[in-house]
């Protein structure tokens, strides 16, 4: 599913991506957004999908229903 198919703003996701890459947000390794049970956005900022991550801070993830 694309971001727009999931009802997400492509412009806002692009702005989020740009802000993370510019250093406005620190220590962001990846952002994944699921809508209606399907992946709608996937962005990696430190490596790629196969990069191992330290998940001890997984409780800092944000979940919105």
N, C-alpha and C. Protein backbone atom coordinates (compact mmCIF):
# COMPACT_ATOMS: atom_id res chain seq x y z
N UNK A 1 0.84 -1.17 0.00
CA UNK A 1 0.00 0.00 0.00
C UNK A 1 0.89 1.23 0.00
N UNK A 2 0.54 2.20 -0.79
CA UNK A 2 1.29 3.46 -0.77
C UNK A 2 0.77 4.33 0.37
N UNK A 3 1.54 5.34 0.70
CA UNK A 3 1.14 6.25 1.78
C UNK A 3 -0.20 6.90 1.46
N UNK A 4 -0.38 7.36 0.23
CA UNK A 4 -1.63 8.03 -0.13
C UNK A 4 -2.80 7.06 -0.11
N UNK A 5 -2.57 5.81 -0.49
CA UNK A 5 -3.64 4.80 -0.41
C UNK A 5 -4.05 4.55 1.03
N UNK A 6 -3.12 4.74 1.95
CA UNK A 6 -3.41 4.57 3.37
C UNK A 6 -3.96 5.82 4.02
N UNK A 7 -4.19 6.86 3.23
CA UNK A 7 -4.75 8.10 3.77
C UNK A 7 -3.71 8.99 4.42
N UNK A 8 -2.44 8.78 4.11
CA UNK A 8 -1.37 9.58 4.68
C UNK A 8 -0.93 10.65 3.69
N UNK A 9 -0.48 11.77 4.21
CA UNK A 9 0.00 12.86 3.38
C UNK A 9 1.42 12.60 2.93
N UNK A 10 1.61 12.49 1.62
CA UNK A 10 2.96 12.30 1.07
C UNK A 10 3.85 13.49 1.44
N UNK A 11 3.29 14.70 1.42
CA UNK A 11 4.06 15.91 1.74
C UNK A 11 4.55 15.89 3.18
N UNK A 12 3.70 15.46 4.09
CA UNK A 12 4.10 15.42 5.51
C UNK A 12 5.15 14.34 5.75
N UNK A 13 5.03 13.22 5.08
CA UNK A 13 6.04 12.17 5.22
C UNK A 13 7.37 12.62 4.63
N UNK A 14 7.32 13.34 3.53
CA UNK A 14 8.54 13.89 2.93
C UNK A 14 9.19 14.90 3.89
N UNK A 15 8.37 15.73 4.52
CA UNK A 15 8.88 16.71 5.48
C UNK A 15 9.50 16.01 6.69
N UNK A 16 8.87 14.94 7.15
CA UNK A 16 9.42 14.16 8.26
C UNK A 16 10.76 13.57 7.87
N UNK A 17 10.83 12.97 6.69
CA UNK A 17 12.07 12.38 6.19
C UNK A 17 13.18 13.44 6.13
N UNK A 18 12.85 14.61 5.58
CA UNK A 18 13.84 15.70 5.45
C UNK A 18 14.32 16.18 6.82
N UNK A 19 13.39 16.30 7.78
CA UNK A 19 13.75 16.76 9.12
C UNK A 19 14.68 15.77 9.82
N UNK A 20 14.41 14.49 9.66
CA UNK A 20 15.27 13.48 10.28
C UNK A 20 16.65 13.50 9.64
N UNK A 21 16.69 13.54 8.31
CA UNK A 21 17.98 13.54 7.61
C UNK A 21 18.80 14.80 7.89
N UNK A 22 18.14 15.92 8.17
CA UNK A 22 18.86 17.17 8.44
C UNK A 22 19.39 17.23 9.88
N UNK A 23 18.96 16.28 10.72
CA UNK A 23 19.43 16.25 12.10
C UNK A 23 18.51 16.95 13.08
N UNK A 24 17.33 17.38 12.60
CA UNK A 24 16.38 18.03 13.50
C UNK A 24 15.93 17.08 14.61
N UNK A 25 15.81 15.80 14.28
CA UNK A 25 15.50 14.76 15.26
C UNK A 25 16.73 13.88 15.40
N UNK A 26 17.07 13.52 16.60
CA UNK A 26 18.29 12.74 16.86
C UNK A 26 17.99 11.27 17.08
N UNK A 27 18.93 10.44 16.70
CA UNK A 27 18.91 9.00 16.98
C UNK A 27 17.68 8.29 16.42
N UNK A 28 17.21 8.69 15.25
CA UNK A 28 16.10 8.01 14.59
C UNK A 28 16.70 7.04 13.58
N UNK A 29 16.53 5.76 13.78
CA UNK A 29 17.07 4.75 12.88
C UNK A 29 16.10 4.40 11.77
N UNK A 30 14.82 4.38 12.10
CA UNK A 30 13.81 4.03 11.10
C UNK A 30 12.45 4.51 11.56
N UNK A 31 11.57 4.68 10.58
CA UNK A 31 10.17 5.02 10.84
C UNK A 31 9.33 4.11 9.95
N UNK A 32 8.42 3.39 10.56
CA UNK A 32 7.48 2.56 9.81
C UNK A 32 6.07 2.92 10.26
N UNK A 33 5.18 3.07 9.28
CA UNK A 33 3.80 3.43 9.59
C UNK A 33 2.89 2.39 8.94
N UNK A 34 2.04 1.79 9.75
CA UNK A 34 1.06 0.82 9.26
C UNK A 34 -0.33 1.44 9.35
N UNK A 35 -1.10 1.22 8.32
CA UNK A 35 -2.50 1.68 8.31
C UNK A 35 -3.37 0.50 7.90
N UNK A 36 -4.38 0.24 8.68
CA UNK A 36 -5.33 -0.83 8.36
C UNK A 36 -4.61 -2.17 8.17
N UNK A 37 -3.58 -2.40 8.98
CA UNK A 37 -2.87 -3.66 8.96
C UNK A 37 -1.86 -3.83 7.84
N UNK A 38 -1.61 -2.76 7.07
CA UNK A 38 -0.65 -2.83 5.96
C UNK A 38 0.39 -1.73 6.10
N UNK A 39 1.61 -2.04 5.68
CA UNK A 39 2.69 -1.07 5.74
C UNK A 39 2.45 0.03 4.71
N UNK A 40 2.36 1.28 5.19
CA UNK A 40 2.08 2.41 4.30
C UNK A 40 3.30 3.31 4.09
N UNK A 41 4.24 3.28 5.03
CA UNK A 41 5.46 4.08 4.91
C UNK A 41 6.59 3.36 5.61
N UNK A 42 7.76 3.40 4.99
CA UNK A 42 8.94 2.75 5.54
C UNK A 42 10.15 3.62 5.20
N UNK A 43 10.81 4.16 6.21
CA UNK A 43 11.98 5.00 5.98
C UNK A 43 13.12 4.58 6.90
N UNK A 44 14.32 4.46 6.34
CA UNK A 44 15.50 4.07 7.11
C UNK A 44 16.53 5.18 7.03
N UNK A 45 17.10 5.54 8.18
CA UNK A 45 17.99 6.69 8.27
C UNK A 45 19.38 6.32 8.77
N UNK A 46 19.54 5.11 9.24
CA UNK A 46 20.82 4.61 9.73
C UNK A 46 20.91 3.17 9.28
N UNK A 47 21.40 2.94 8.07
CA UNK A 47 21.42 1.61 7.52
C UNK A 47 20.18 1.36 6.67
N UNK A 48 19.77 0.09 6.64
CA UNK A 48 18.59 -0.27 5.85
C UNK A 48 17.76 -1.29 6.63
N UNK A 49 16.81 -1.93 5.96
CA UNK A 49 15.92 -2.87 6.63
C UNK A 49 16.66 -4.06 7.22
N UNK A 50 17.83 -4.38 6.69
CA UNK A 50 18.59 -5.53 7.18
C UNK A 50 19.57 -5.17 8.29
N UNK A 51 19.69 -3.89 8.63
CA UNK A 51 20.61 -3.45 9.67
C UNK A 51 20.08 -3.87 11.05
N UNK A 52 20.93 -4.50 11.84
CA UNK A 52 20.53 -4.88 13.20
C UNK A 52 20.37 -3.63 14.05
N UNK A 53 19.38 -3.62 14.91
CA UNK A 53 19.09 -2.47 15.75
C UNK A 53 19.08 -2.87 17.22
N UNK A 54 19.48 -1.96 18.07
CA UNK A 54 19.43 -2.16 19.52
C UNK A 54 18.02 -1.78 19.96
N UNK A 55 17.22 -2.76 20.32
CA UNK A 55 15.81 -2.51 20.63
C UNK A 55 15.52 -2.28 22.11
N UNK A 56 16.54 -2.02 22.89
CA UNK A 56 16.29 -1.79 24.31
C UNK A 56 15.42 -0.57 24.55
N UNK A 57 15.38 0.34 23.61
CA UNK A 57 14.55 1.54 23.76
C UNK A 57 13.25 1.43 22.97
N UNK A 58 12.81 0.22 22.69
CA UNK A 58 11.60 0.02 21.90
C UNK A 58 10.36 0.62 22.58
N UNK A 59 10.43 0.80 23.89
CA UNK A 59 9.28 1.37 24.60
C UNK A 59 9.10 2.85 24.27
N UNK A 60 10.06 3.46 23.59
CA UNK A 60 9.93 4.85 23.20
C UNK A 60 9.18 4.99 21.88
N UNK A 61 8.79 3.86 21.29
CA UNK A 61 8.03 3.89 20.05
C UNK A 61 6.67 4.52 20.30
N UNK A 62 6.13 5.09 19.27
CA UNK A 62 4.82 5.75 19.38
C UNK A 62 3.81 4.91 18.61
N UNK A 63 2.70 4.60 19.25
CA UNK A 63 1.63 3.85 18.60
C UNK A 63 0.34 4.65 18.74
N UNK A 64 -0.28 4.90 17.61
CA UNK A 64 -1.55 5.62 17.62
C UNK A 64 -2.58 4.77 16.90
N UNK A 65 -3.76 4.67 17.43
CA UNK A 65 -4.83 3.89 16.79
C UNK A 65 -5.83 4.80 16.13
